Amino acid sequence: MRRFVVPVLAMLLVTTGCGSTAPQQQPGAAPEVAVFTVTGGKRTSGPDRVEVAAGRTVTIEVTTDAPDELHVHGYDRTADVVAGQSASVTFTADIPGLFEVELHNSGAALTELRVTA
C-alpha cells in the first residue's frame, strides 16, 4: 500500500501545478468596451489607455471619416474600417503587457491596452 502513496502524491502535485493562476472572467460578465472616433486622421474621442485584468474580454470599437484598418498590436487582431461606419475587434486579453492600438493607414494611435496579470 505504501508504494502507491508516493506516486499518487507526485501525480497530485503535478496536476495541481498545471492550473492557471490568471483571473478568469466570470460567466456573464460584461466585456470591457472602449469606443473611439477618428476625424482627419486624429483621435477625437476615446480613452488614452484601456486597463484590464488578464482573462477579460475586450472590445475596441472605432468610427472614422476615412477607410482604414484597426489593429491591436501584440494580439494581431485587425478589422477593416469603412468610412462613417463603426468597426470593432473583440478578444480575450490573455497576454499581460502594454500594447498599442492604432489605425494602420492614417497611423492614428487610438490607445494603449494595458493587460495586468
Protein backbone atom coordinates (compact mmCIF):
# COMPACT_ATOMS: atom_id res chain seq x y z
CA MET A 1 0.00 0.00 0.00
CA ARG A 2 2.82 2.39 0.88
CA ARG A 3 4.45 2.00 -2.52
CA PHE A 4 1.33 3.59 -4.07
CA VAL A 5 1.31 6.64 -1.79
CA VAL A 6 4.40 8.30 -3.26
CA PRO A 7 3.30 8.01 -6.92
CA VAL A 8 -0.20 9.23 -6.07
CA LEU A 9 1.17 12.24 -4.17
CA ALA A 10 3.55 13.01 -7.03
CA MET A 11 0.68 12.90 -9.52
CA LEU A 12 -1.41 15.22 -7.35
CA LEU A 13 1.43 17.74 -7.15
CA VAL A 14 1.93 17.68 -10.92
CA THR A 15 -1.75 18.09 -11.77
CA THR A 16 -2.35 20.92 -9.30
CA GLY A 17 0.68 22.73 -10.70
CA CYS A 18 -0.91 22.75 -14.15
CA GLY A 19 -3.77 25.03 -13.13
CA SER A 20 -3.90 28.64 -14.29
CA THR A 21 -3.42 31.43 -11.78
CA ALA A 22 -4.69 34.13 -14.15
CA PRO A 23 -8.00 35.63 -13.07
CA GLN A 24 -10.83 34.43 -15.26
CA GLN A 25 -13.79 36.49 -16.35
CA GLN A 26 -16.95 35.47 -14.57
CA PRO A 27 -19.57 33.89 -16.85
CA GLY A 28 -21.99 36.56 -17.98
CA ALA A 29 -19.61 39.40 -17.05
CA ALA A 30 -19.79 42.32 -19.45
CA PRO A 31 -16.73 42.80 -21.66
CA GLU A 32 -14.57 45.90 -21.36
CA VAL A 33 -15.66 48.14 -24.26
CA ALA A 34 -13.63 51.14 -25.47
CA VAL A 35 -15.18 53.34 -28.18
CA PHE A 36 -13.17 55.75 -30.36
CA THR A 37 -13.84 58.33 -33.04
CA VAL A 38 -11.18 59.42 -35.54
CA THR A 39 -11.55 62.54 -37.70
CA GLY A 40 -8.92 63.80 -40.12
CA GLY A 41 -6.54 61.03 -39.07
CA LYS A 42 -6.61 62.02 -35.38
CA ARG A 43 -8.41 60.51 -32.42
CA THR A 44 -11.20 62.86 -31.33
CA SER A 45 -12.76 60.69 -28.62
CA GLY A 46 -11.89 57.66 -26.54
CA PRO A 47 -9.59 56.90 -23.60
CA ASP A 48 -5.79 57.31 -23.71
CA ARG A 49 -5.38 53.94 -22.01
CA VAL A 50 -7.57 50.88 -21.53
CA GLU A 51 -6.63 48.75 -18.49
CA VAL A 52 -7.95 45.24 -17.95
CA ALA A 53 -7.06 42.16 -15.94
CA ALA A 54 -5.81 39.15 -17.87
CA GLY A 55 -8.65 36.86 -18.88
CA ARG A 56 -11.15 39.68 -19.52
CA THR A 57 -12.97 40.08 -22.82
CA VAL A 58 -12.16 43.38 -24.54
CA THR A 59 -13.96 45.13 -27.40
CA ILE A 60 -12.28 48.01 -29.23
CA GLU A 61 -14.70 49.93 -31.47
CA VAL A 62 -13.81 52.78 -33.81
CA THR A 63 -15.62 55.05 -36.26
CA THR A 64 -13.59 57.09 -38.77
CA ASP A 65 -14.23 59.55 -41.57
CA ALA A 66 -11.94 57.62 -43.94
CA PRO A 67 -11.40 53.93 -44.73
CA ASP A 68 -8.67 52.35 -42.62
CA GLU A 69 -7.64 49.22 -40.74
CA LEU A 70 -7.93 48.84 -36.96
CA HIS A 71 -5.02 46.90 -35.46
CA VAL A 72 -4.33 45.69 -31.91
CA HIS A 73 -0.58 45.04 -31.63
CA GLY A 74 0.56 42.00 -29.67
CA TYR A 75 -2.74 40.24 -30.32
CA ASP A 76 -2.64 40.72 -34.10
CA ARG A 77 -6.36 41.48 -34.21
CA THR A 78 -7.50 43.58 -37.15
CA ALA A 79 -10.71 44.91 -38.64
CA ASP A 80 -11.39 46.79 -41.86
CA VAL A 81 -12.96 50.17 -41.17
CA VAL A 82 -15.43 51.70 -43.65
CA ALA A 83 -15.72 55.49 -43.54
CA GLY A 84 -18.67 56.57 -41.41
CA GLN A 85 -19.33 53.08 -40.02
CA SER A 86 -18.11 51.54 -36.80
CA ALA A 87 -15.79 48.55 -36.81
CA SER A 88 -14.65 46.51 -33.84
CA VAL A 89 -12.47 43.69 -32.62
CA THR A 90 -13.37 41.54 -29.62
CA PHE A 91 -10.89 39.20 -27.97
CA THR A 92 -9.78 37.72 -24.66
CA ALA A 93 -6.93 39.77 -23.20
CA ASP A 94 -4.76 36.86 -22.10
CA ILE A 95 -1.27 38.27 -22.75
CA PRO A 96 -0.07 40.61 -19.98
CA GLY A 97 1.72 43.76 -21.13
CA LEU A 98 1.26 47.14 -22.79
CA PHE A 99 0.03 47.13 -26.40
CA GLU A 100 -0.61 49.87 -28.96
CA VAL A 101 -3.96 50.05 -30.72
CA GLU A 102 -3.86 52.05 -33.95
CA LEU A 103 -5.26 52.67 -37.39
CA HIS A 104 -2.74 51.45 -39.95
CA ASN A 105 -3.41 53.68 -42.95
CA SER A 106 -3.61 57.01 -41.11
CA GLY A 107 -1.15 55.96 -38.40
CA ALA A 108 -3.56 57.32 -35.78
CA ALA A 109 -2.77 55.96 -32.32
CA LEU A 110 -6.07 55.15 -30.63
CA THR A 111 -4.99 53.95 -27.21
CA GLU A 112 -2.67 51.80 -25.17
CA LEU A 113 -4.06 48.50 -23.94
CA ARG A 114 -2.60 47.51 -20.56
CA VAL A 115 -3.28 43.92 -19.53
CA THR A 116 -2.33 43.05 -15.95
CA ALA A 117 -1.64 39.55 -14.68
